Every structure is written in structure tokens, then in C-alpha cells.
């Protein structure tokens, strides 16, 4: 008996916006209804993330007729590459255009055998941190799961492909204010059925969104947490990061203390503002209390505001003070200075004039 051809749904199912198990279940049902063997589903799923195909027609291990029928019922949307810049130091910056015309940025940073990919979780950011180009632009919307994980997928579809070894949620947006999408994205990044990146090589960076830190800590995988501290007192931090009103420094440090994995403090160095000896002493006390590793970040040219970068000498003085106080510390290298690699800079060039949206005034933020 000849199988009847299934009717395609008016709205195609996005196979990249569900977890692999759900995608396989949907394709298996479709394959059976199409008269194809059920194992076709596993073949399709391998081409979603593990060995990504640009479209169904490129899945050449599947019959041509079935590939055509898949394209009628499902979609595997691409992120449109709008710009690609390569720095003299090997850093690469990618600007992706989304289906609604929004832009997001992704940065690939090579270091020896490692390739760290800095990915975005929101289009823009609502938090308005004083030194951040993205925050100055304002917030547009949360990214969906396929748009976040899709940044990694697009690296694998380049020719030649880039294969990230480490993922950091340090691009545009506050990931823990988009937990509804970031949570399953972590599964996609880590799952052997998908991108297969080790949990200890995936870091979620946050300004200190407490419900999200708790939710991340409840996951069994060993994902890493980085907290954007940037100032060692509430008074100074409030002037730099308005979100400190909702999540004060003491509460953020307490959340870091109970997080059952090692925490990193991110600390951007602002000349004459947060880089003095007393600041190092205060920061050291917080780091010891939290058993945190401190990552000192030279201010990247092109950020927001009229801040002056700390001098190299002052950064080294600051780091020595931390080490003398018993705190592990590293100074991040400035990368991609010749390609506007500071978060949000390339997007600002393409998409100007948006009025900033405050974190308390936007209805499209989703904490855990």
C-alpha cells in the first residue's frame, strides 16, 4: 500500500528552536507518515547541530524526495552574516542580521589551541551600564534559543569552519534576564547530540541577577559563572551599574558564595575611578569571601561614556595588591582593538538612534 503524503503545517516547525529529542520525535513521526524508515529522524538531527547542514537540500545522505518534503514541513533558519572583521591579532567579529532586521554580534578569540566564542543573548541590553556601548544603545528584544545557539552553528558552517572550544555569554545582553531561552541553549551547547561542548568550557556572565544565578546553580552540569562586579562598593557600583539598586552587591556576593562551583569576578579597569589601592583592598575582601577568581579587564576603546582606561602600570599595581591579599587574579588581554571588538560597537554603527529602555520598564525580560 502506497503511503500518503502528509500535509505540511501552515507554520513550519523550527527544528533548531527545540531540543534534539523533540526535533527527532517530530521528524520520526513525519518520516513514518511519509513512508520513510524511522531512522531518517536520527539522520536529520545529526545535521542540525553535530554536523550542521545549511539547509535540507544539503543533507545528501537522505533521499532527494524526502529532503524536499522536509523543507515543506520544517525549517532550519540561518543567521544572516552582515559583516565579518578580522583583527591583526586573530580575533574575528561577526555581525548577524536577524529575521526582523535586528543585529547581534559574536566574537571569536583564538588563544593557542583554544577558540573562545563570545555570544549574545539579547538584541541590545536594558541595563545601561555606564561603560558599555550595548547598554547605551538600549534593549530591543530577547533572542530565541535558535538565535543564541545558532551563533555557534554558523561558525561550523563557515568555509573553512571554526570550531569553538569555549563559549562565554559575554556578548550583547544579560543572559540571566533571558533565562527562558538561555536554559535550553545551555543544553544544546553541551549535549553530545548537539554541539557537544564541555560544561566547564561554558561560562555564563551576569551582572548579578539573583534568580538566574540560583537557577543556573540547580543545573547538574558544571557550567561556570562569571559575575560582573566592576566596583567593590554599593555606592560606586550604583553609579556605574543601575541594576545594583535591585540586586545590591552584598546580595550578589552572597549568591556567589552559595553557588557550588567556582565563580569569576569580572572587573573592568576605569582610570582613577575603581583602580586605586583602597579599591583593590575592598575587592580582595569580596573575592576571598566568595572564593572567587578575579579577571581584570582593561577598558576597551570605543565603550560608552567618557571613561579613561587604567594605565598598564596601574593595572599591574592593582593585580599585585590582589595577589598579596591571597586572591587569584588574571589580566585579560585587549583583543581586536583594530576592529571595534568592544561589545556593541559594530551594532551601534549599523543601528543608531534607539532610545534606551530601562531594566525595570521592559516587559520582555524573563528571569528564572
Protein backbone atom coordinates (compact mmCIF):
# COMPACT_ATOMS: atom_id res chain seq x y z
CA UNK A 1 0.00 0.00 0.00
CA UNK A 2 1.42 3.35 -1.02
CA UNK A 3 1.97 5.84 1.82
CA UNK A 4 0.04 9.04 1.64
CA UNK A 5 2.00 12.25 1.62
CA UNK A 6 1.47 14.18 4.86
CA UNK A 7 0.09 17.68 4.72
CA UNK A 8 2.59 20.38 5.64
CA UNK A 9 1.60 22.57 8.55
CA UNK A 10 0.83 26.18 7.66
CA UNK A 11 3.51 27.18 10.18
CA UNK A 12 6.67 25.21 9.64
CA UNK A 13 8.23 23.78 12.79
CA UNK A 14 11.64 25.27 13.57
CA UNK A 15 13.82 22.25 14.34
CA UNK A 16 16.56 24.48 15.74
CA UNK A 17 14.27 26.01 18.36
CA UNK A 18 13.56 22.77 20.21
CA UNK A 19 15.82 20.29 21.96
CA UNK A 20 17.22 17.43 19.84
CA UNK A 21 14.90 14.84 21.40
CA UNK A 22 11.81 16.86 20.43
CA UNK A 23 13.17 17.50 16.95
CA UNK A 24 13.84 13.80 16.46
CA UNK A 25 10.35 12.88 17.66
CA UNK A 26 8.74 15.32 15.23
CA UNK A 27 10.83 14.18 12.26
CA UNK A 28 10.32 10.49 13.10
CA UNK A 29 6.54 10.93 13.01
CA UNK A 30 6.84 12.82 9.74
CA UNK A 31 9.14 10.17 8.24
CA UNK A 32 6.77 7.33 9.12
CA UNK A 33 3.83 9.27 7.66
CA UNK A 34 5.91 9.80 4.52
CA UNK A 35 6.68 6.10 4.13
CA UNK A 36 10.29 6.52 5.19
CA UNK A 37 12.04 4.41 7.84
CA UNK A 38 12.13 5.92 11.35
CA UNK A 39 15.94 6.08 11.38
CA UNK A 40 15.70 9.04 8.98
CA UNK A 41 14.93 11.17 12.04
CA UNK A 42 18.33 10.47 13.60
CA UNK A 43 19.98 11.34 10.30
CA UNK A 44 18.22 14.69 10.19
CA UNK A 45 19.05 15.50 13.83
CA UNK A 46 22.76 14.91 13.20
CA UNK A 47 22.58 17.66 10.58
CA UNK A 48 21.02 20.17 12.96
CA UNK A 49 23.98 20.75 15.29
CA UNK A 50 26.53 17.93 15.33
CA UNK A 51 27.30 18.06 11.62
CA UNK A 52 25.21 21.05 10.59
CA UNK A 53 23.79 21.40 7.11
CA UNK A 54 22.91 24.84 5.71
CA UNK A 55 19.52 23.56 4.52
CA UNK A 56 17.64 20.32 3.91
CA UNK A 57 18.90 20.01 0.33
CA UNK A 58 22.45 19.64 1.68
CA UNK A 59 21.53 16.53 3.71
CA UNK A 60 22.72 14.28 0.92
CA UNK A 61 22.50 11.07 2.95
CA UNK A 62 18.71 11.45 2.70
CA UNK A 63 16.62 10.67 -0.40
CA UNK A 64 16.05 13.76 -2.55
CA UNK A 65 12.27 13.44 -2.40
CA UNK A 66 12.27 13.24 1.38
CA UNK A 67 14.55 16.28 1.61
CA UNK A 68 12.06 18.26 -0.46
CA UNK A 69 9.17 17.16 1.76
CA UNK A 70 11.14 18.07 4.90
CA UNK A 71 11.61 21.59 3.57
CA UNK A 72 7.84 21.91 3.14
CA UNK A 73 7.11 20.95 6.76
CA UNK A 74 10.12 22.17 8.75
CA UNK A 75 12.63 24.98 8.83
CA UNK A 76 16.26 25.29 9.96
CA UNK A 77 16.76 29.07 9.78
CA UNK A 78 20.16 30.65 9.26
CA UNK A 79 21.50 33.83 10.80
CA UNK A 80 22.42 36.22 8.01
CA UNK A 81 26.07 37.25 8.14
CA UNK A 82 26.03 41.02 7.63
CA UNK A 83 29.69 41.76 8.37
CA UNK A 84 32.88 39.94 9.28
CA UNK A 85 36.03 41.64 10.53
CA UNK A 86 39.40 40.06 11.29
CA UNK A 87 41.88 41.68 13.65
CA UNK A 88 45.64 41.63 13.29
CA UNK A 89 45.72 39.55 16.49
CA UNK A 90 43.42 36.88 15.01
CA UNK A 91 40.23 37.97 16.76
CA UNK A 92 37.21 37.82 14.47
CA UNK A 93 33.99 39.75 14.87
CA UNK A 94 30.71 38.75 13.22
CA UNK A 95 27.60 40.87 12.83
CA UNK A 96 24.46 38.81 12.22
CA UNK A 97 21.19 40.20 10.90
CA UNK A 98 18.08 38.53 12.32
CA UNK A 99 14.78 37.89 10.55
CA UNK A 100 13.25 41.10 11.92
CA UNK A 101 16.16 43.32 10.92
CA UNK A 102 17.83 43.36 14.33
CA UNK A 103 21.59 42.88 14.58
CA UNK A 104 23.65 40.90 17.08
CA UNK A 105 27.37 40.39 17.49
CA UNK A 106 29.59 37.37 18.03
CA UNK A 107 33.33 37.43 18.63
CA UNK A 108 35.78 34.55 18.09
CA UNK A 109 39.00 34.79 20.11
CA UNK A 110 41.83 32.34 19.34
CA UNK A 111 44.40 31.59 22.04
CA UNK A 112 46.77 28.70 21.35
CA UNK A 113 44.70 25.54 20.90
CA UNK A 114 41.56 27.23 22.25
CA UNK A 115 38.93 29.17 20.36
CA UNK A 116 36.60 31.09 22.64
CA UNK A 117 33.32 32.28 21.17
CA UNK A 118 31.66 35.26 22.86
CA UNK A 119 27.94 35.05 22.12
CA UNK A 120 24.95 37.37 22.54
CA UNK A 121 21.72 36.54 24.35
CA UNK A 122 19.70 39.70 23.66
CA UNK A 123 19.42 42.29 20.89
CA UNK A 124 20.77 45.23 22.83
CA UNK A 125 20.70 45.41 26.61
CA UNK A 126 18.38 47.08 29.12
CA UNK A 127 20.89 47.51 31.94
CA UNK A 128 22.62 50.73 30.85
CA UNK A 129 25.99 50.05 32.47
CA UNK A 130 27.82 53.35 32.12
CA UNK A 131 30.89 52.00 30.30
CA UNK A 132 29.11 49.65 27.86
CA UNK A 133 28.32 50.53 24.23
CA UNK A 134 25.48 48.00 24.11
CA UNK A 135 23.83 49.39 27.22
CA UNK A 136 23.96 52.91 25.82
CA UNK A 137 22.03 51.75 22.75
CA UNK A 138 19.14 50.22 24.68
CA UNK A 139 17.19 46.99 24.54
CA UNK A 140 15.10 45.63 21.68
CA UNK A 141 14.22 42.03 22.48
CA UNK A 142 15.35 38.69 23.82
CA UNK A 143 16.90 36.22 21.45
CA UNK A 144 15.29 32.84 20.95
CA UNK A 145 17.16 29.63 21.62
CA UNK A 146 17.97 29.03 17.95
CA UNK A 147 19.35 32.56 17.63
CA UNK A 148 21.69 32.13 20.60
CA UNK A 149 22.94 28.63 19.81
CA UNK A 150 22.77 29.50 16.12
CA UNK A 151 25.77 31.78 16.56
CA UNK A 152 27.86 28.69 17.29
CA UNK A 153 26.20 26.77 14.47
CA UNK A 154 27.11 29.49 11.99
CA UNK A 155 30.77 29.15 12.94
CA UNK A 156 30.63 25.49 11.93
CA UNK A 157 29.03 26.43 8.61
CA UNK A 158 31.82 28.80 7.61
CA UNK A 159 34.33 27.70 4.99
CA UNK A 160 36.72 26.86 6.48
CA UNK A 161 34.72 26.08 9.61
CA UNK A 162 35.53 27.48 13.03
CA UNK A 163 35.12 25.03 15.90
CA UNK A 164 34.82 26.80 19.26
CA UNK A 165 36.27 25.01 22.28
CA UNK A 166 34.91 27.51 24.82
CA UNK A 167 31.70 29.53 24.98
CA UNK A 168 31.20 32.69 27.03
CA UNK A 169 27.88 34.51 27.38
CA UNK A 170 29.66 37.85 27.38
CA UNK A 171 28.27 39.36 24.20
CA UNK A 172 25.26 41.62 23.94
CA UNK A 173 22.62 41.36 26.63
CA UNK A 174 22.21 39.97 30.14
CA UNK A 175 21.76 36.19 29.75
CA UNK A 176 20.03 35.66 33.09
CA UNK A 177 17.30 38.11 32.04
CA UNK A 178 16.57 35.74 29.17
CA UNK A 179 16.71 32.51 31.15
CA UNK A 180 13.73 31.04 29.28
CA UNK A 181 15.91 30.80 26.16
CA UNK A 182 19.36 30.55 27.77
CA UNK A 183 18.41 27.49 29.84
CA UNK A 184 17.68 25.21 26.82
CA UNK A 185 20.54 26.84 24.90
CA UNK A 186 22.93 25.52 27.55
CA UNK A 187 21.58 22.05 26.85
CA UNK A 188 22.15 22.48 23.10
CA UNK A 189 25.69 23.72 23.67
CA UNK A 190 26.57 20.85 25.99
CA UNK A 191 24.61 17.88 24.63
CA UNK A 192 26.62 15.20 22.76
CA UNK A 193 23.65 15.08 20.39
CA UNK A 194 24.11 18.75 19.60
CA UNK A 195 27.22 20.94 19.90
CA UNK A 196 28.97 18.77 22.49
CA UNK A 197 30.99 21.44 24.32
CA UNK A 198 32.03 20.51 27.85
CA UNK A 199 30.08 22.27 30.59
CA UNK A 200 33.29 23.51 32.25
CA UNK A 201 34.10 25.27 28.99
CA UNK A 202 30.80 27.23 29.02
CA UNK A 203 30.62 30.40 31.13
CA UNK A 204 27.52 32.46 31.84
CA UNK A 205 28.32 36.07 32.73
CA UNK A 206 25.82 38.15 34.71
CA UNK A 207 25.61 41.49 36.47
CA UNK A 208 24.14 39.52 39.36
CA UNK A 209 20.55 38.57 38.52
CA UNK A 210 19.88 36.53 41.64
CA UNK A 211 17.03 34.25 40.45
CA UNK A 212 19.09 33.32 37.42
CA UNK A 213 22.18 32.51 39.50
CA UNK A 214 20.05 30.22 41.64
CA UNK A 215 18.56 28.55 38.55
CA UNK A 216 21.98 28.05 36.98
CA UNK A 217 23.26 26.54 40.23
CA UNK A 218 20.43 24.00 40.21
CA UNK A 219 21.54 22.56 36.89
CA UNK A 220 23.62 19.38 37.35
CA UNK A 221 26.19 20.30 34.72
CA UNK A 222 29.36 22.12 35.75
CA UNK A 223 28.64 25.36 33.89
CA UNK A 224 30.79 28.28 35.02
CA UNK A 225 29.52 31.55 36.48
CA UNK A 226 31.13 34.97 35.99
CA UNK A 227 29.81 37.96 37.91
CA UNK A 228 30.32 41.49 36.58
CA UNK A 229 31.40 43.30 39.74
CA UNK A 230 33.26 46.35 38.35
CA UNK A 231 33.16 48.20 41.67
CA UNK A 232 33.81 46.96 45.24
CA UNK A 233 31.21 49.12 47.00
CA UNK A 234 27.49 49.75 46.53
CA UNK A 235 27.96 53.48 46.18
CA UNK A 236 30.46 53.24 43.34
CA UNK A 237 28.75 50.28 41.70
CA UNK A 238 25.42 52.11 41.74
CA UNK A 239 26.94 54.97 39.76
CA UNK A 240 28.22 52.54 37.11
CA UNK A 241 25.50 49.88 37.07
CA UNK A 242 21.89 50.95 37.80
CA UNK A 243 20.86 47.30 38.29
CA UNK A 244 22.71 47.48 41.63
CA UNK A 245 19.53 49.05 43.06
CA UNK A 246 17.61 45.82 42.50
CA UNK A 247 20.49 43.43 43.16
CA UNK A 248 22.86 45.09 45.69
CA UNK A 249 26.46 43.99 45.84
CA UNK A 250 26.11 42.16 49.17
CA UNK A 251 23.26 40.04 47.79
CA UNK A 252 25.22 39.27 44.62
CA UNK A 253 28.28 38.20 46.64
CA UNK A 254 26.10 36.02 48.86
CA UNK A 255 24.66 34.30 45.78
CA UNK A 256 28.18 33.69 44.53
CA UNK A 257 29.15 32.18 47.89
CA UNK A 258 26.42 29.56 47.74
CA UNK A 259 26.99 28.74 44.05
CA UNK A 260 28.55 25.30 44.26
CA UNK A 261 31.13 25.89 41.54
CA UNK A 262 33.97 28.31 41.18
CA UNK A 263 33.00 31.90 40.46
CA UNK A 264 34.90 34.51 38.47
CA UNK A 265 34.66 38.22 39.19
CA UNK A 266 34.82 40.39 36.06
CA UNK A 267 36.28 43.82 36.83
CA UNK A 268 36.73 46.47 34.13
CA UNK A 269 39.54 48.87 34.96
CA UNK A 270 38.48 52.53 34.87
CA UNK A 271 41.30 55.01 35.33
CA UNK A 272 41.10 56.94 38.60
CA UNK A 273 37.64 55.59 39.35
CA UNK A 274 37.87 51.97 40.55
CA UNK A 275 41.59 51.18 40.27
CA UNK A 276 43.08 52.63 43.43
CA UNK A 277 44.72 50.79 46.35
CA UNK A 278 41.60 51.02 48.54
CA UNK A 279 39.51 49.52 45.76
CA UNK A 280 41.91 46.58 45.48
CA UNK A 281 41.67 46.02 49.25
CA UNK A 282 37.86 46.08 49.13
CA UNK A 283 37.70 43.81 46.08
CA UNK A 284 40.11 41.34 47.67
CA UNK A 285 37.85 41.03 50.70
CA UNK A 286 34.84 40.30 48.48
CA UNK A 287 36.76 37.75 46.42
CA UNK A 288 38.05 35.92 49.49
CA UNK A 289 34.54 35.84 50.92
CA UNK A 290 33.28 34.29 47.68
CA UNK A 291 36.40 32.18 46.94
CA UNK A 292 36.37 33.90 43.57
CA UNK A 293 38.95 34.26 40.84
CA UNK A 294 39.33 37.87 39.65
CA UNK A 295 39.61 38.76 35.97
CA UNK A 296 40.82 42.32 35.44
CA UNK A 297 39.63 43.78 32.13
CA UNK A 298 41.32 46.77 30.51
CA UNK A 299 38.66 49.22 29.31
CA UNK A 300 38.21 48.63 25.61
CA UNK A 301 38.45 51.71 23.37
CA UNK A 302 35.03 52.59 21.97
CA UNK A 303 32.96 51.75 25.02
CA UNK A 304 30.31 54.17 26.25
CA UNK A 305 30.90 57.20 28.42
CA UNK A 306 33.91 59.43 28.95
CA UNK A 307 35.97 56.96 30.93
CA UNK A 308 39.74 56.75 30.82
CA UNK A 309 41.36 53.31 30.70
CA UNK A 310 43.61 52.47 33.61
CA UNK A 311 47.27 52.53 32.64
CA UNK A 312 49.13 49.28 32.25
CA UNK A 313 51.22 50.19 35.28
CA UNK A 314 48.13 50.83 37.40
CA UNK A 315 46.53 47.54 36.34
CA UNK A 316 49.69 45.65 37.32
CA UNK A 317 49.82 47.52 40.65
CA UNK A 318 46.16 46.60 41.26
CA UNK A 319 46.74 42.95 40.40
CA UNK A 320 49.76 42.77 42.72
CA UNK A 321 47.64 44.13 45.57
CA UNK A 322 45.05 41.42 44.97
CA UNK A 323 47.66 38.66 44.88
CA UNK A 324 49.27 39.94 48.04
CA UNK A 325 45.85 39.67 49.69
CA UNK A 326 45.62 36.00 48.72
CA UNK A 327 43.38 36.35 45.66
CA UNK A 328 43.98 34.61 42.33
CA UNK A 329 43.91 37.15 39.53
CA UNK A 330 44.47 37.42 35.79
CA UNK A 331 44.62 40.39 33.46
CA UNK A 332 42.63 39.90 30.30
CA UNK A 333 44.41 40.78 27.09
CA UNK A 334 42.84 43.52 24.99
CA UNK A 335 41.84 41.82 21.77
CA UNK A 336 40.52 43.15 18.48
CA UNK A 337 41.20 46.81 19.17
CA UNK A 338 41.56 47.45 15.43
CA UNK A 339 38.11 46.01 14.58
CA UNK A 340 35.86 47.68 17.20
CA UNK A 341 35.59 44.43 19.15
CA UNK A 342 34.14 46.03 22.27
CA UNK A 343 30.67 44.66 22.85
CA UNK A 344 28.06 46.51 20.78
CA UNK A 345 30.36 48.74 18.75
CA UNK A 346 29.71 47.18 15.36
CA UNK A 347 25.97 47.04 16.00
CA UNK A 348 25.99 50.71 17.02
CA UNK A 349 27.48 51.55 13.64
CA UNK A 350 24.64 49.74 11.84
CA UNK A 351 21.69 50.58 14.04
CA UNK A 352 21.74 54.04 15.63
CA UNK A 353 19.24 56.22 17.39
CA UNK A 354 17.31 53.74 19.55
CA UNK A 355 16.13 55.21 22.83
CA UNK A 356 17.45 53.15 25.76
CA UNK A 357 14.95 51.04 27.67
CA UNK A 358 15.46 50.69 31.42
CA UNK A 359 15.64 47.26 33.01
CA UNK A 360 12.56 47.98 35.09
CA UNK A 361 10.50 49.26 32.15
CA UNK A 362 10.72 46.43 29.70
CA UNK A 363 8.15 43.66 29.68
CA UNK A 364 10.21 41.24 27.60
CA UNK A 365 12.73 40.18 30.20
CA UNK A 366 12.50 36.67 31.57
CA UNK A 367 14.35 35.86 34.75
CA UNK A 368 14.12 32.36 36.15
